[in-house]
Amino acid sequence: MRVSEFDFELPENLIALHPAEPRDSARLLQVVPGEAFRDRHIPDLLDILKPGDVLVVNDTRVLPAELRGTRRRGDIRANVSFNLHKRVDAHTWRAFARPAKKLALLDELELGNGSADVLRARVAGKGDTGEITLEFELGGAQLDEAIRSHGAMPLPPYIGAKRAVEERDKVDYQTVYAAEDGAVAAPTAGLHFTEKLLQQLSDRGVTMERVTLHVGAGTFLPMKADDTDDHVMHSEWGEIDQATVERINAKRELGGRVVAVGTTSLRLLETASRATGALQPFMGDTDIFITPGFRFRTVDILMTNFHLPKSTLFMLVSAFSGLDTMKGAYAHAIANGYRFYSYGDSSLLFRAPGDEDDTA
């Protein structure tokens, strides 16, 4: 499909720079294909979801993965900054560098927040598009702790270009159920949940299951291809264990609906369902690219924020509920002042009827 089919005009003033307060007070657009759109709020999930439904959340934890410091080359120093986006091993990360042209292989780096205890690394690889491979002196849990100490929250570029990182972002840009370190971008649909709301859903008979997909900064990269067939999707690491699969499948067999909280949860669930058509345990990288025509096998309902024009995520929601439906939903959201992107409002999308061939 032509990427231009997924374009729309978005007024700048609808891009949210801070989340709603409290976080579960955000608006929620209910989208059922073939029915009128319904303007609701996050607590209305208590009325929409039913006993037996299973809420699948991504429990990845965002690392403060924006690092600033200096490059040392002999006596010559230069200021540089990095956004970590994918862990390679215990000592190594891939990162986007600014400015990448100042860096060369084996350059020594001192990164930190101005304290004497710097985080040392070197350039172990350099790609053609500003991607750098960083090899740190520290590794494993020690490296994670050092990144938390020295790094800043990696706000999306459409927020970071408009304001500086604030102390409150350390809480605002993290879900209340975050547990597994490794993401450099938040699974933003989950930012709307409070512990109270999750307990209320549980009391209603809606269970919650955790999966892990470490969101990478590649989720913000613009598409450069003119046709979806020519796009190379970034990969992200995820895991669904056997016990979680068994519980989700048991709920489905009893008629419960699978509600994916965020496109990351959906991508992982559908990745784990592709080999056999049924949900299976999964651990590894996924670069699944979901466009209209994709056959969904596990997810019935998707909760997700509003996405960028011509983005892979808008393509995903168009595959899920139908392109015409989602164009109409986004036009409705814009006309009614919904707040967009990571800190914006949310939508609850029901899967379009039909059984299309899996062409993705």
Protein backbone atom coordinates (compact mmCIF):
# COMPACT_ATOMS: atom_id res chain seq x y z
CA MET A 1 0.00 0.00 0.00
CA ARG A 2 1.07 3.57 -0.54
CA VAL A 3 2.25 5.24 2.65
CA SER A 4 0.39 8.40 1.62
CA GLU A 5 -2.90 6.56 2.29
CA PHE A 6 -2.11 6.79 6.00
CA ASP A 7 -1.57 10.56 6.10
CA PHE A 8 -3.73 13.12 7.90
CA GLU A 9 -3.42 16.70 9.11
CA LEU A 10 -2.92 17.20 12.84
CA PRO A 11 -2.99 20.66 14.47
CA GLU A 12 0.16 21.26 16.53
CA ASN A 13 -1.85 22.38 19.54
CA LEU A 14 -3.28 18.86 19.98
CA ILE A 15 0.14 17.33 20.74
CA ALA A 16 0.16 16.75 24.51
CA LEU A 17 3.29 17.91 26.35
CA HIS A 18 2.16 16.61 29.75
CA PRO A 19 -0.23 13.82 30.74
CA ALA A 20 -3.69 14.26 32.17
CA GLU A 21 -3.83 14.58 35.97
CA PRO A 22 -4.67 12.21 37.47
CA ARG A 23 -3.48 9.85 34.77
CA ASP A 24 -6.76 7.93 34.59
CA SER A 25 -8.76 11.11 33.91
CA ALA A 26 -7.80 11.08 30.21
CA ARG A 27 -10.42 10.76 27.50
CA LEU A 28 -11.11 7.46 25.75
CA LEU A 29 -12.56 7.21 22.23
CA GLN A 30 -14.47 3.95 21.83
CA VAL A 31 -14.28 2.69 18.24
CA VAL A 32 -16.46 -0.22 17.14
CA PRO A 33 -16.38 -0.71 13.35
CA GLY A 34 -19.81 -0.05 11.87
CA GLU A 35 -21.04 1.88 14.92
CA ALA A 36 -20.96 5.53 15.96
CA PHE A 37 -17.87 6.67 17.86
CA ARG A 38 -18.37 7.13 21.61
CA ASP A 39 -16.60 9.80 23.66
CA ARG A 40 -15.71 8.30 27.01
CA HIS A 41 -13.05 8.45 29.75
CA ILE A 42 -10.55 5.89 31.03
CA PRO A 43 -12.66 4.85 34.09
CA ASP A 44 -15.42 3.80 31.67
CA LEU A 45 -13.36 0.66 31.07
CA LEU A 46 -15.17 -0.61 34.16
CA ASP A 47 -18.42 -0.56 32.16
CA ILE A 48 -17.02 -1.63 28.78
CA LEU A 49 -14.95 -4.63 29.84
CA LYS A 50 -16.65 -7.77 31.09
CA PRO A 51 -15.90 -10.43 33.70
CA GLY A 52 -13.65 -13.00 32.06
CA ASP A 53 -11.86 -10.51 29.82
CA VAL A 54 -8.08 -10.50 30.13
CA LEU A 55 -6.06 -7.29 30.05
CA VAL A 56 -2.57 -7.90 28.63
CA VAL A 57 -0.05 -5.25 29.66
CA ASN A 58 3.59 -4.68 28.74
CA ASP A 59 5.61 -4.53 31.97
CA THR A 60 8.81 -3.19 30.41
CA ARG A 61 10.47 -0.44 32.42
CA VAL A 62 11.86 2.66 30.73
CA LEU A 63 15.51 3.35 31.39
CA PRO A 64 16.54 7.03 31.49
CA ALA A 65 18.42 6.30 28.30
CA GLU A 66 19.39 9.77 27.11
CA LEU A 67 23.10 10.18 27.96
CA ARG A 68 25.22 13.30 27.47
CA GLY A 69 28.97 13.71 27.82
CA THR A 70 32.21 14.19 25.96
CA ARG A 71 34.21 12.37 23.35
CA ARG A 72 37.94 12.19 24.08
CA ARG A 73 40.44 11.86 21.23
CA GLY A 74 43.86 12.65 22.64
CA ASP A 75 43.61 16.17 24.06
CA ILE A 76 40.64 17.05 21.85
CA ARG A 77 37.18 16.90 23.37
CA ALA A 78 33.71 17.32 21.86
CA ASN A 79 30.25 17.34 23.38
CA VAL A 80 28.07 14.42 22.31
CA SER A 81 24.75 12.88 23.32
CA PHE A 82 23.16 9.48 22.80
CA ASN A 83 19.76 7.89 22.93
CA LEU A 84 20.16 4.21 23.75
CA HIS A 85 17.66 2.15 21.84
CA LYS A 86 18.60 -1.56 21.89
CA ARG A 87 20.61 -3.68 24.28
CA VAL A 88 23.06 -6.01 22.48
CA ASP A 89 24.57 -7.79 25.50
CA ALA A 90 25.52 -7.11 29.12
CA HIS A 91 28.07 -4.40 28.15
CA THR A 92 26.78 -3.16 24.80
CA TRP A 93 23.98 -0.95 23.52
CA ARG A 94 23.05 0.44 20.14
CA ALA A 95 22.30 4.16 20.24
CA PHE A 96 21.41 7.12 18.09
CA ALA A 97 24.15 9.74 18.39
CA ARG A 98 24.11 13.53 18.05
CA PRO A 99 26.21 14.64 16.26
CA ALA A 100 27.27 11.28 14.82
CA LYS A 101 29.79 12.93 12.48
CA LYS A 102 31.98 13.77 15.50
CA LEU A 103 32.43 10.10 16.34
CA ALA A 104 34.79 7.44 15.01
CA LEU A 105 35.49 3.82 15.88
CA LEU A 106 37.26 3.33 19.24
CA ASP A 107 36.61 6.90 20.39
CA GLU A 108 36.63 7.07 24.19
CA LEU A 109 33.56 8.55 25.88
CA GLU A 110 32.82 10.00 29.30
CA LEU A 111 29.09 10.18 29.92
CA GLY A 112 27.26 11.50 32.93
CA ASN A 113 25.22 14.14 34.67
CA GLY A 114 28.14 16.36 35.65
CA SER A 115 29.24 14.33 38.66
CA ALA A 116 32.79 13.11 39.08
CA ASP A 117 31.68 9.48 38.76
CA VAL A 118 31.41 9.31 34.97
CA LEU A 119 30.12 6.41 32.90
CA ARG A 120 32.88 5.29 30.52
CA ALA A 121 32.34 3.74 27.12
CA ARG A 122 33.86 3.52 23.68
CA VAL A 123 32.51 3.52 20.13
CA ALA A 124 32.55 -0.13 19.04
CA GLY A 125 30.61 0.32 15.80
CA LYS A 126 29.19 3.00 13.55
CA GLY A 127 26.32 2.71 11.06
CA ASP A 128 25.34 4.85 8.10
CA THR A 129 22.30 6.54 9.66
CA GLY A 130 23.68 7.93 12.91
CA GLU A 131 23.46 4.63 14.78
CA ILE A 132 26.40 3.92 17.08
CA THR A 133 27.35 0.79 19.01
CA LEU A 134 28.53 1.67 22.51
CA GLU A 135 30.63 -0.72 24.61
CA PHE A 136 30.56 0.21 28.31
CA GLU A 137 33.12 -0.60 30.98
CA LEU A 138 30.32 -1.68 33.29
CA GLY A 139 27.91 -4.48 32.50
CA GLY A 140 24.66 -6.11 33.57
CA ALA A 141 22.88 -4.76 36.63
CA GLN A 142 25.78 -2.36 37.39
CA LEU A 143 25.39 -0.79 33.96
CA ASP A 144 21.62 -0.48 34.37
CA GLU A 145 22.09 1.28 37.69
CA ALA A 146 24.69 3.65 36.18
CA ILE A 147 22.35 4.49 33.31
CA ARG A 148 19.57 5.23 35.81
CA SER A 149 21.97 7.48 37.73
CA HIS A 150 23.38 9.41 34.78
CA GLY A 151 20.64 9.36 32.18
CA ALA A 152 17.56 11.45 31.48
CA MET A 153 14.17 10.14 30.43
CA PRO A 154 14.18 9.80 26.61
CA LEU A 155 11.07 11.78 25.77
CA PRO A 156 9.70 11.34 22.24
CA PRO A 157 11.10 13.87 19.75
CA TYR A 158 7.73 15.61 19.30
CA ILE A 159 7.79 16.43 23.05
CA GLY A 160 11.53 16.89 23.49
CA ALA A 161 11.60 19.48 20.71
CA LYS A 162 9.06 21.62 22.58
CA ARG A 163 10.25 21.43 26.19
CA ALA A 164 13.08 20.18 28.37
CA VAL A 165 12.93 16.95 30.36
CA GLU A 166 11.38 17.60 33.77
CA GLU A 167 11.79 15.75 37.06
CA ARG A 168 8.15 14.65 36.92
CA ASP A 169 8.82 12.75 33.69
CA LYS A 170 10.56 10.04 35.74
CA VAL A 171 7.12 9.15 37.10
CA ASP A 172 4.84 10.36 34.30
CA TYR A 173 6.69 8.38 31.60
CA GLN A 174 6.52 5.06 33.48
CA THR A 175 3.58 2.69 33.92
CA VAL A 176 2.56 1.80 37.47
CA TYR A 177 3.27 -1.88 36.73
CA ALA A 178 6.71 -1.39 35.10
CA ALA A 179 9.08 -4.12 36.27
CA GLU A 180 11.58 -5.28 33.63
CA ASP A 181 14.36 -2.81 32.75
CA GLY A 182 15.11 -2.43 29.07
CA ALA A 183 12.80 -0.01 27.24
CA VAL A 184 13.88 3.37 25.96
CA ALA A 185 10.33 4.47 25.18
CA ALA A 186 7.21 3.92 27.24
CA PRO A 187 4.36 1.59 26.27
CA THR A 188 2.19 4.69 26.43
CA ALA A 189 -1.31 3.17 26.48
CA GLY A 190 -0.44 1.81 29.92
CA LEU A 191 0.35 5.27 31.28
CA HIS A 192 -3.38 5.81 31.83
CA PHE A 193 -3.73 3.11 34.50
CA THR A 194 -3.60 3.70 38.23
CA GLU A 195 -3.28 0.99 40.85
CA LYS A 196 -6.81 1.84 41.99
CA LEU A 197 -8.30 1.36 38.51
CA LEU A 198 -6.47 -1.95 38.05
CA GLN A 199 -7.85 -3.16 41.37
CA GLN A 200 -11.37 -2.08 40.36
CA LEU A 201 -11.05 -4.01 37.10
CA SER A 202 -9.84 -7.04 39.01
CA ASP A 203 -12.80 -6.77 41.40
CA ARG A 204 -15.05 -6.78 38.33
CA GLY A 205 -13.53 -10.05 37.14
CA VAL A 206 -11.14 -8.65 34.52
CA THR A 207 -7.77 -10.32 34.97
CA MET A 208 -4.38 -8.82 34.09
CA GLU A 209 -1.52 -10.67 32.45
CA ARG A 210 2.00 -9.33 31.97
CA VAL A 211 4.18 -9.71 28.91
CA THR A 212 7.46 -7.95 28.20
CA LEU A 213 8.50 -6.11 25.05
CA HIS A 214 11.36 -3.65 25.36
CA VAL A 215 10.24 -0.68 23.30
CA GLY A 216 13.03 0.82 21.19
CA ALA A 217 13.54 4.34 19.90
CA GLY A 218 12.97 2.96 16.41
CA THR A 219 9.26 3.27 17.14
CA PHE A 220 9.64 7.04 16.53
CA LEU A 221 11.60 6.78 13.27
CA PRO A 222 9.71 8.19 10.27
CA MET A 223 8.98 5.93 7.34
CA LYS A 224 11.24 6.72 4.39
CA ALA A 225 9.64 4.32 1.93
CA ASP A 226 6.75 5.37 -0.32
CA ASP A 227 5.23 1.90 -0.24
CA THR A 228 4.70 -0.32 2.80
CA ASP A 229 6.27 -3.26 0.94
CA ASP A 230 9.60 -1.41 0.94
CA HIS A 231 9.74 -0.61 4.66
CA VAL A 232 12.17 -2.46 6.93
CA MET A 233 10.70 -2.69 10.44
CA HIS A 234 12.89 -2.18 13.51
CA SER A 235 13.16 -5.17 15.85
CA GLU A 236 12.44 -5.29 19.57
CA TRP A 237 13.00 -8.01 22.16
CA GLY A 238 10.02 -9.60 23.85
CA GLU A 239 8.93 -12.55 25.96
CA ILE A 240 5.72 -14.41 26.81
CA ASP A 241 6.19 -17.38 29.11
CA GLN A 242 4.35 -20.69 29.16
CA ALA A 243 2.28 -19.99 32.28
CA THR A 244 1.02 -16.68 30.87
CA VAL A 245 0.08 -18.34 27.58
CA GLU A 246 -1.86 -21.05 29.39
CA ARG A 247 -3.83 -18.53 31.46
CA ILE A 248 -4.68 -16.37 28.44
CA ASN A 249 -5.74 -19.36 26.37
CA ALA A 250 -7.88 -20.65 29.23
CA LYS A 251 -9.71 -17.31 29.42
CA ARG A 252 -10.30 -17.34 25.66
CA GLU A 253 -11.73 -20.85 25.78
CA LEU A 254 -14.28 -19.61 28.33
CA GLY A 255 -15.31 -16.71 26.07
CA GLY A 256 -13.12 -13.99 27.53
CA ARG A 257 -11.77 -11.31 25.23
CA VAL A 258 -8.07 -10.50 24.94
CA VAL A 259 -7.56 -6.77 25.48
CA ALA A 260 -4.07 -5.65 24.47
CA VAL A 261 -2.94 -2.54 26.32
CA GLY A 262 -0.82 -0.85 23.68
CA THR A 263 0.49 -1.74 20.25
CA THR A 264 3.57 -3.31 21.88
CA SER A 265 1.47 -5.90 23.71
CA LEU A 266 -0.48 -6.57 20.52
CA ARG A 267 2.63 -6.98 18.38
CA LEU A 268 4.09 -9.46 20.84
CA LEU A 269 0.86 -11.46 21.18
CA GLU A 270 0.42 -11.67 17.42
CA THR A 271 4.10 -12.56 16.92
CA ALA A 272 3.65 -15.43 19.37
CA SER A 273 0.54 -16.60 17.50
CA ARG A 274 1.86 -16.68 13.95
CA ALA A 275 3.67 -20.01 13.84
CA THR A 276 0.65 -22.20 14.58
CA GLY A 277 -2.28 -19.79 14.65
CA ALA A 278 -2.59 -20.23 18.41
CA LEU A 279 -0.82 -18.31 21.16
CA GLN A 280 2.49 -19.98 22.08
CA PRO A 281 5.39 -19.05 24.39
CA PHE A 282 7.87 -16.71 22.75
CA MET A 283 11.25 -15.21 23.56
CA GLY A 284 13.38 -13.25 21.13
CA ASP A 285 13.32 -10.36 18.68
CA THR A 286 10.24 -9.46 16.70
CA ASP A 287 10.08 -7.16 13.68
CA ILE A 288 6.46 -7.90 12.84
CA PHE A 289 4.98 -5.22 10.56
CA ILE A 290 1.18 -5.09 10.67
CA THR A 291 -0.66 -3.41 7.80
CA PRO A 292 -4.20 -3.76 6.41
CA GLY A 293 -4.80 -7.35 5.33
CA PHE A 294 -3.07 -8.85 8.37
CA ARG A 295 -4.96 -11.70 10.01
CA PHE A 296 -5.21 -11.20 13.76
CA ARG A 297 -5.26 -14.43 15.72
CA THR A 298 -5.32 -13.50 19.41
CA VAL A 299 -6.24 -9.87 20.20
CA ASP A 300 -9.91 -8.85 20.26
CA ILE A 301 -9.66 -5.29 21.63
CA LEU A 302 -6.78 -2.80 21.52
CA MET A 303 -6.29 0.13 23.87
CA THR A 304 -3.87 2.62 22.36
CA ASN A 305 -3.05 6.31 22.18
CA PHE A 306 -3.33 8.39 18.99
CA HIS A 307 -0.41 7.98 16.59
CA LEU A 308 1.66 9.92 14.08
CA PRO A 309 0.50 10.34 10.47
CA LYS A 310 2.08 7.82 8.06
CA SER A 311 3.53 5.86 10.99
CA THR A 312 3.73 2.08 11.32
CA LEU A 313 1.49 2.38 14.38
CA PHE A 314 -1.30 4.16 12.49
CA MET A 315 -0.98 1.39 9.90
CA LEU A 316 -1.38 -1.17 12.68
CA VAL A 317 -4.57 0.36 14.08
CA SER A 318 -5.91 0.68 10.52
CA ALA A 319 -5.29 -3.04 10.04
CA PHE A 320 -7.06 -3.79 13.31
CA SER A 321 -10.24 -1.74 12.94
CA GLY A 322 -10.18 -0.86 9.24
CA LEU A 323 -8.52 2.04 7.40
CA ASP A 324 -11.75 3.94 6.71
CA THR A 325 -12.89 3.45 10.31
CA MET A 326 -9.61 4.79 11.69
CA LYS A 327 -9.52 7.76 9.34
CA GLY A 328 -12.99 8.61 10.59
CA ALA A 329 -11.99 8.03 14.22
CA TYR A 330 -8.96 10.32 13.93
CA ALA A 331 -11.02 13.01 12.18
CA HIS A 332 -13.52 12.77 15.05
CA ALA A 333 -10.73 12.97 17.63
CA ILE A 334 -9.20 16.05 16.00
CA ALA A 335 -12.55 17.79 15.65
CA ASN A 336 -13.32 17.12 19.31
CA GLY A 337 -9.97 18.21 20.73
CA TYR A 338 -8.51 14.88 21.80
CA ARG A 339 -4.88 15.12 22.89
CA PHE A 340 -2.40 13.16 20.75
CA TYR A 341 0.69 10.98 21.15
CA SER A 342 2.56 9.65 24.17
CA TYR A 343 1.08 11.93 26.84
CA GLY A 344 -2.27 12.26 25.09
CA ASP A 345 -5.69 10.66 25.34
CA SER A 346 -6.49 7.06 24.45
CA SER A 347 -8.74 5.00 22.25
CA LEU A 348 -10.36 1.59 22.68
CA LEU A 349 -10.49 -0.19 19.33
CA PHE A 350 -12.56 -3.26 18.55
CA ARG A 351 -11.33 -5.60 15.86
CA ALA A 352 -13.02 -5.33 12.49
CA PRO A 353 -15.07 -8.36 11.47
CA GLY A 354 -13.70 -10.59 8.73
CA ASP A 355 -11.04 -13.19 8.20
CA GLU A 356 -8.59 -11.66 5.75
CA ASP A 357 -5.52 -13.46 4.47
CA ASP A 358 -2.33 -12.85 6.42
CA THR A 359 -0.22 -10.83 3.99
CA ALA A 360 2.03 -9.08 6.51
